[in-house]
Amino acid sequence: MNTKEMIETFGTVKELANAIGVTQSAVNQWGLAVPIGRRKSVRMALRERANELEAEAKRMRRAAKEISEE
């Protein structure tokens, strides 16, 4: 699990750190790969983020449909 990719996925070091409940300093110390002990929490945060994005996409599709029906 690549640290840089995870930071990009969450947007910033701060957002990744907040998502898994650690400090920004902790994330900055990870190096190239997410430490094995943090991978489970990162995976859980990724699932949560995916669910949020899916819900947002559904809201946007509904809004677009309502606009097109006007």
PDB file of N, CA and C in Angstrom:
ATOM      1  N   MET A   1       0.862  -1.164   0.000  1.00  0.00           N
ATOM      2  CA  MET A   1       0.000   0.000   0.000  1.00  0.00           C
ATOM      3  C   MET A   1       0.913   1.232   0.000  1.00  0.00           C
ATOM      4  N   ASN A   2       0.838   2.015  -1.042  1.00  0.00           N
ATOM      5  CA  ASN A   2       1.714   3.152  -1.262  1.00  0.00           C
ATOM      6  C   ASN A   2       1.220   4.395  -0.505  1.00  0.00           C
ATOM      7  N   THR A   3       2.088   4.982   0.294  1.00  0.00           N
ATOM      8  CA  THR A   3       1.717   6.157   1.094  1.00  0.00           C
ATOM      9  C   THR A   3       1.292   7.325   0.215  1.00  0.00           C
ATOM     10  N   LYS A   4       2.047   7.598  -0.827  1.00  0.00           N
ATOM     11  CA  LYS A   4       1.732   8.732  -1.709  1.00  0.00           C
ATOM     12  C   LYS A   4       0.350   8.563  -2.338  1.00  0.00           C
ATOM     13  N   GLU A   5       0.034   7.353  -2.783  1.00  0.00           N
ATOM     14  CA  GLU A   5      -1.279   7.105  -3.382  1.00  0.00           C
ATOM     15  C   GLU A   5      -2.406   7.300  -2.370  1.00  0.00           C
ATOM     16  N   MET A   6      -2.173   6.889  -1.136  1.00  0.00           N
ATOM     17  CA  MET A   6      -3.203   7.048  -0.111  1.00  0.00           C
ATOM     18  C   MET A   6      -3.424   8.526   0.208  1.00  0.00           C
ATOM     19  N   ILE A   7      -2.347   9.291   0.262  1.00  0.00           N
ATOM     20  CA  ILE A   7      -2.471  10.736   0.501  1.00  0.00           C
ATOM     21  C   ILE A   7      -3.250  11.379  -0.642  1.00  0.00           C
ATOM     22  N   GLU A   8      -2.934  11.009  -1.875  1.00  0.00           N
ATOM     23  CA  GLU A   8      -3.638  11.558  -3.039  1.00  0.00           C
ATOM     24  C   GLU A   8      -5.116  11.168  -3.012  1.00  0.00           C
ATOM     25  N   THR A   9      -5.403   9.953  -2.583  1.00  0.00           N
ATOM     26  CA  THR A   9      -6.786   9.487  -2.523  1.00  0.00           C
ATOM     27  C   THR A   9      -7.605  10.308  -1.541  1.00  0.00           C
ATOM     28  N   PHE A  10      -7.017  10.630  -0.399  1.00  0.00           N
ATOM     29  CA  PHE A  10      -7.728  11.393   0.619  1.00  0.00           C
ATOM     30  C   PHE A  10      -7.611  12.897   0.410  1.00  0.00           C
ATOM     31  N   GLY A  11      -6.679  13.322  -0.424  1.00  0.00           N
ATOM     32  CA  GLY A  11      -6.538  14.737  -0.750  1.00  0.00           C
ATOM     33  C   GLY A  11      -5.319  15.381  -0.121  1.00  0.00           C
ATOM     34  N   THR A  12      -5.146  15.200   1.168  1.00  0.00           N
ATOM     35  CA  THR A  12      -4.008  15.790   1.875  1.00  0.00           C
ATOM     36  C   THR A  12      -3.565  14.861   2.997  1.00  0.00           C
ATOM     37  N   VAL A  13      -2.374  15.104   3.514  1.00  0.00           N
ATOM     38  CA  VAL A  13      -1.893  14.354   4.671  1.00  0.00           C
ATOM     39  C   VAL A  13      -2.858  14.544   5.836  1.00  0.00           C
ATOM     40  N   LYS A  14      -3.313  15.767   6.024  1.00  0.00           N
ATOM     41  CA  LYS A  14      -4.229  16.064   7.125  1.00  0.00           C
ATOM     42  C   LYS A  14      -5.513  15.252   7.017  1.00  0.00           C
ATOM     43  N   GLU A  15      -6.094  15.175   5.816  1.00  0.00           N
ATOM     44  CA  GLU A  15      -7.344  14.431   5.643  1.00  0.00           C
ATOM     45  C   GLU A  15      -7.137  12.929   5.855  1.00  0.00           C
ATOM     46  N   LEU A  16      -6.016  12.388   5.392  1.00  0.00           N
ATOM     47  CA  LEU A  16      -5.713  10.980   5.634  1.00  0.00           C
ATOM     48  C   LEU A  16      -5.539  10.728   7.127  1.00  0.00           C
ATOM     49  N   ALA A  17      -4.763  11.580   7.772  1.00  0.00           N
ATOM     50  CA  ALA A  17      -4.533  11.427   9.207  1.00  0.00           C
ATOM     51  C   ALA A  17      -5.847  11.480   9.981  1.00  0.00           C
ATOM     52  N   ASN A  18      -6.702  12.443   9.657  1.00  0.00           N
ATOM     53  CA  ASN A  18      -7.996  12.557  10.332  1.00  0.00           C
ATOM     54  C   ASN A  18      -8.862  11.326  10.099  1.00  0.00           C
ATOM     55  N   ALA A  19      -8.810  10.789   8.884  1.00  0.00           N
ATOM     56  CA  ALA A  19      -9.642   9.643   8.534  1.00  0.00           C
ATOM     57  C   ALA A  19      -9.293   8.403   9.348  1.00  0.00           C
ATOM     58  N   ILE A  20      -8.033   8.277   9.747  1.00  0.00           N
ATOM     59  CA  ILE A  20      -7.637   7.078  10.487  1.00  0.00           C
ATOM     60  C   ILE A  20      -7.286   7.359  11.941  1.00  0.00           C
ATOM     61  N   GLY A  21      -7.421   8.615  12.349  1.00  0.00           N
ATOM     62  CA  GLY A  21      -7.234   8.949  13.759  1.00  0.00           C
ATOM     63  C   GLY A  21      -5.797   9.016  14.234  1.00  0.00           C
ATOM     64  N   VAL A  22      -4.916   9.502  13.375  1.00  0.00           N
ATOM     65  CA  VAL A  22      -3.518   9.708  13.767  1.00  0.00           C
ATOM     66  C   VAL A  22      -3.132  11.147  13.450  1.00  0.00           C
ATOM     67  N   THR A  23      -1.949  11.534  13.861  1.00  0.00           N
ATOM     68  CA  THR A  23      -1.486  12.893  13.576  1.00  0.00           C
ATOM     69  C   THR A  23      -0.870  12.972  12.179  1.00  0.00           C
ATOM     70  N   GLN A  24      -0.796  14.191  11.671  1.00  0.00           N
ATOM     71  CA  GLN A  24      -0.131  14.411  10.386  1.00  0.00           C
ATOM     72  C   GLN A  24       1.332  13.997  10.472  1.00  0.00           C
ATOM     73  N   SER A  25       1.947  14.259  11.613  1.00  0.00           N
ATOM     74  CA  SER A  25       3.338  13.894  11.830  1.00  0.00           C
ATOM     75  C   SER A  25       3.537  12.390  11.696  1.00  0.00           C
ATOM     76  N   ALA A  26       2.593  11.618  12.209  1.00  0.00           N
ATOM     77  CA  ALA A  26       2.681  10.153  12.098  1.00  0.00           C
ATOM     78  C   ALA A  26       2.658   9.728  10.638  1.00  0.00           C
ATOM     79  N   VAL A  27       1.745  10.297   9.862  1.00  0.00           N
ATOM     80  CA  VAL A  27       1.660   9.958   8.434  1.00  0.00           C
ATOM     81  C   VAL A  27       2.947  10.354   7.721  1.00  0.00           C
ATOM     82  N   ASN A  28       3.489  11.507   8.061  1.00  0.00           N
ATOM     83  CA  ASN A  28       4.717  11.973   7.420  1.00  0.00           C
ATOM     84  C   ASN A  28       5.914  11.070   7.707  1.00  0.00           C
ATOM     85  N   GLN A  29       5.825  10.255   8.732  1.00  0.00           N
ATOM     86  CA  GLN A  29       6.921   9.345   9.083  1.00  0.00           C
ATOM     87  C   GLN A  29       6.803   7.974   8.417  1.00  0.00           C
ATOM     88  N   TRP A  30       5.754   7.732   7.657  1.00  0.00           N
ATOM     89  CA  TRP A  30       5.517   6.425   7.087  1.00  0.00           C
ATOM     90  C   TRP A  30       6.541   5.982   6.045  1.00  0.00           C
ATOM     91  N   GLY A  31       7.113   6.872   5.318  1.00  0.00           N
ATOM     92  CA  GLY A  31       7.998   6.463   4.230  1.00  0.00           C
ATOM     93  C   GLY A  31       7.191   6.106   2.990  1.00  0.00           C
ATOM     94  N   LEU A  32       7.721   5.227   2.154  1.00  0.00           N
ATOM     95  CA  LEU A  32       7.070   4.897   0.886  1.00  0.00           C
ATOM     96  C   LEU A  32       5.814   4.050   1.042  1.00  0.00           C
ATOM     97  N   ALA A  33       5.791   3.195   2.047  1.00  0.00           N
ATOM     98  CA  ALA A  33       4.661   2.283   2.222  1.00  0.00           C
ATOM     99  C   ALA A  33       3.956   2.533   3.553  1.00  0.00           C
ATOM    100  N   VAL A  34       2.630   2.382   3.524  1.00  0.00           N
ATOM    101  CA  VAL A  34       1.844   2.475   4.755  1.00  0.00           C
ATOM    102  C   VAL A  34       2.291   1.326   5.668  1.00  0.00           C
ATOM    103  N   PRO A  35       2.612   1.629   6.919  1.00  0.00           N
ATOM    104  CA  PRO A  35       3.032   0.559   7.834  1.00  0.00           C
ATOM    105  C   PRO A  35       1.964  -0.533   7.959  1.00  0.00           C
ATOM    106  N   ILE A  36       2.416  -1.754   8.102  1.00  0.00           N
ATOM    107  CA  ILE A  36       1.501  -2.895   8.195  1.00  0.00           C
ATOM    108  C   ILE A  36       0.458  -2.684   9.287  1.00  0.00           C
ATOM    109  N   GLY A  37       0.859  -2.120  10.403  1.00  0.00           N
ATOM    110  CA  GLY A  37      -0.061  -1.901  11.513  1.00  0.00           C
ATOM    111  C   GLY A  37      -1.142  -0.862  11.245  1.00  0.00           C
ATOM    112  N   ARG A  38      -0.990  -0.081  10.199  1.00  0.00           N
ATOM    113  CA  ARG A  38      -1.981   0.958   9.862  1.00  0.00           C
ATOM    114  C   ARG A  38      -2.831   0.599   8.650  1.00  0.00           C
ATOM    115  N   ARG A  39      -2.502  -0.468   7.963  1.00  0.00           N
ATOM    116  CA  ARG A  39      -3.196  -0.802   6.714  1.00  0.00           C
ATOM    117  C   ARG A  39      -4.669  -1.120   6.908  1.00  0.00           C
ATOM    118  N   LYS A  40      -5.008  -1.786   7.994  1.00  0.00           N
ATOM    119  CA  LYS A  40      -6.413  -2.103   8.241  1.00  0.00           C
ATOM    120  C   LYS A  40      -7.227  -0.821   8.419  1.00  0.00           C
ATOM    121  N   SER A  41      -6.705   0.130   9.184  1.00  0.00           N
ATOM    122  CA  SER A  41      -7.448   1.377   9.404  1.00  0.00           C
ATOM    123  C   SER A  41      -7.537   2.187   8.112  1.00  0.00           C
ATOM    124  N   VAL A  42      -6.500   2.130   7.283  1.00  0.00           N
ATOM    125  CA  VAL A  42      -6.549   2.834   5.992  1.00  0.00           C
ATOM    126  C   VAL A  42      -7.596   2.175   5.090  1.00  0.00           C
ATOM    127  N   ARG A  43      -7.637   0.840   5.058  1.00  0.00           N
ATOM    128  CA  ARG A  43      -8.640   0.151   4.243  1.00  0.00           C
ATOM    129  C   ARG A  43     -10.055   0.509   4.692  1.00  0.00           C
ATOM    130  N   MET A  44     -10.269   0.552   6.002  1.00  0.00           N
ATOM    131  CA  MET A  44     -11.587   0.908   6.521  1.00  0.00           C
ATOM    132  C   MET A  44     -11.951   2.340   6.135  1.00  0.00           C
ATOM    133  N   ALA A  45     -10.989   3.247   6.221  1.00  0.00           N
ATOM    134  CA  ALA A  45     -11.232   4.636   5.838  1.00  0.00           C
ATOM    135  C   ALA A  45     -11.503   4.744   4.340  1.00  0.00           C
ATOM    136  N   LEU A  46     -10.831   3.928   3.542  1.00  0.00           N
ATOM    137  CA  LEU A  46     -11.076   3.917   2.098  1.00  0.00           C
ATOM    138  C   LEU A  46     -12.504   3.462   1.801  1.00  0.00           C
ATOM    139  N   ARG A  47     -12.956   2.425   2.499  1.00  0.00           N
ATOM    140  CA  ARG A  47     -14.339   1.956   2.298  1.00  0.00           C
ATOM    141  C   ARG A  47     -15.339   3.042   2.660  1.00  0.00           C
ATOM    142  N   GLU A  48     -15.081   3.714   3.783  1.00  0.00           N
ATOM    143  CA  GLU A  48     -15.973   4.793   4.204  1.00  0.00           C
ATOM    144  C   GLU A  48     -15.989   5.919   3.170  1.00  0.00           C
ATOM    145  N   ARG A  49     -14.815   6.274   2.672  1.00  0.00           N
ATOM    146  CA  ARG A  49     -14.720   7.333   1.652  1.00  0.00           C
ATOM    147  C   ARG A  49     -15.451   6.919   0.381  1.00  0.00           C
ATOM    148  N   ALA A  50     -15.312   5.664  -0.027  1.00  0.00           N
ATOM    149  CA  ALA A  50     -16.007   5.159  -1.213  1.00  0.00           C
ATOM    150  C   ALA A  50     -17.516   5.233  -1.023  1.00  0.00           C
ATOM    151  N   ASN A  51     -17.995   4.873   0.154  1.00  0.00           N
ATOM    152  CA  ASN A  51     -19.431   4.956   0.440  1.00  0.00           C
ATOM    153  C   ASN A  51     -19.922   6.391   0.382  1.00  0.00           C
ATOM    154  N   GLU A  52     -19.131   7.320   0.913  1.00  0.00           N
ATOM    155  CA  GLU A  52     -19.503   8.738   0.865  1.00  0.00           C
ATOM    156  C   GLU A  52     -19.579   9.220  -0.577  1.00  0.00           C
ATOM    157  N   LEU A  53     -18.602   8.840  -1.389  1.00  0.00           N
ATOM    158  CA  LEU A  53     -18.592   9.252  -2.791  1.00  0.00           C
ATOM    159  C   LEU A  53     -19.764   8.655  -3.560  1.00  0.00           C
ATOM    160  N   GLU A  54     -20.095   7.403  -3.254  1.00  0.00           N
ATOM    161  CA  GLU A  54     -21.236   6.761  -3.903  1.00  0.00           C
ATOM    162  C   GLU A  54     -22.537   7.474  -3.553  1.00  0.00           C
ATOM    163  N   ALA A  55     -22.709   7.824  -2.290  1.00  0.00           N
ATOM    164  CA  ALA A  55     -23.908   8.548  -1.862  1.00  0.00           C
ATOM    165  C   ALA A  55     -23.985   9.914  -2.542  1.00  0.00           C
ATOM    166  N   GLU A  56     -22.843  10.591  -2.646  1.00  0.00           N
ATOM    167  CA  GLU A  56     -22.804  11.893  -3.321  1.00  0.00           C
ATOM    168  C   GLU A  56     -23.176  11.751  -4.796  1.00  0.00           C
ATOM    169  N   ALA A  57     -22.671  10.716  -5.443  1.00  0.00           N
ATOM    170  CA  ALA A  57     -22.989  10.486  -6.857  1.00  0.00           C
ATOM    171  C   ALA A  57     -24.482  10.240  -7.035  1.00  0.00           C
ATOM    172  N   LYS A  58     -25.094   9.483  -6.127  1.00  0.00           N
ATOM    173  CA  LYS A  58     -26.536   9.234  -6.208  1.00  0.00           C
ATOM    174  C   LYS A  58     -27.320  10.532  -6.067  1.00  0.00           C
ATOM    175  N   ARG A  59     -26.894  11.376  -5.109  1.00  0.00           N
ATOM    176  CA  ARG A  59     -27.579  12.670  -4.925  1.00  0.00           C
ATOM    177  C   ARG A  59     -27.461  13.519  -6.182  1.00  0.00           C
ATOM    178  N   MET A  60     -26.294  13.507  -6.783  1.00  0.00           N
ATOM    179  CA  MET A  60     -26.073  14.311  -7.982  1.00  0.00           C
ATOM    180  C   MET A  60     -26.910  13.789  -9.151  1.00  0.00           C
ATOM    181  N   ARG A  61     -27.004  12.466  -9.290  1.00  0.00           N
ATOM    182  CA  ARG A  61     -27.829  11.897 -10.366  1.00  0.00           C
ATOM    183  C   ARG A  61     -29.295  12.271 -10.179  1.00  0.00           C
ATOM    184  N   ARG A  62     -29.771  12.192  -8.916  1.00  0.00           N
ATOM    185  CA  ARG A  62     -31.164  12.578  -8.636  1.00  0.00           C
ATOM    186  C   ARG A  62     -31.401  14.040  -8.972  1.00  0.00           C
ATOM    187  N   ALA A  63     -30.477  14.896  -8.577  1.00  0.00           N
ATOM    188  CA  ALA A  63     -30.607  16.330  -8.851  1.00  0.00           C
ATOM    189  C   ALA A  63     -30.610  16.595 -10.348  1.00  0.00           C
ATOM    190  N   ALA A  64     -29.737  15.926 -11.066  1.00  0.00           N
ATOM    191  CA  ALA A  64     -29.668  16.103 -12.520  1.00  0.00           C
ATOM    192  C   ALA A  64     -30.966  15.632 -13.166  1.00  0.00           C
ATOM    193  N   LYS A  65     -31.518  14.539 -12.700  1.00  0.00           N
ATOM    194  CA  LYS A  65     -32.774  14.023 -13.231  1.00  0.00           C
ATOM    195  C   LYS A  65     -33.911  15.000 -12.988  1.00  0.00           C
ATOM    196  N   GLU A  66     -33.954  15.562 -11.756  1.00  0.00           N
ATOM    197  CA  GLU A  66     -35.007  16.527 -11.432  1.00  0.00           C
ATOM    198  C   GLU A  66     -34.902  17.769 -12.311  1.00  0.00           C
ATOM    199  N   ILE A  67     -33.701  18.237 -12.570  1.00  0.00           N
ATOM    200  CA  ILE A  67     -33.508  19.407 -13.421  1.00  0.00           C
ATOM    201  C   ILE A  67     -33.948  19.104 -14.847  1.00  0.00           C
ATOM    202  N   SER A  68     -33.606  17.924 -15.337  1.00  0.00           N
ATOM    203  CA  SER A  68     -33.958  17.580 -16.724  1.00  0.00           C
ATOM    204  C   SER A  68     -35.448  17.383 -16.891  1.00  0.00           C
ATOM    205  N   GLU A  69     -36.154  17.091 -15.814  1.00  0.00           N
ATOM    206  CA  GLU A  69     -37.604  16.885 -15.886  1.00  0.00           C
ATOM    207  C   GLU A  69     -38.383  18.185 -15.787  1.00  0.00           C
ATOM    208  N   GLU A  70     -37.707  19.279 -15.472  1.00  0.00           N
ATOM    209  CA  GLU A  70     -38.408  20.564 -15.323  1.00  0.00           C
ATOM    210  C   GLU A  70     -38.772  21.151 -16.649  1.00  0.00           C
TER     211      GLU A  70
END
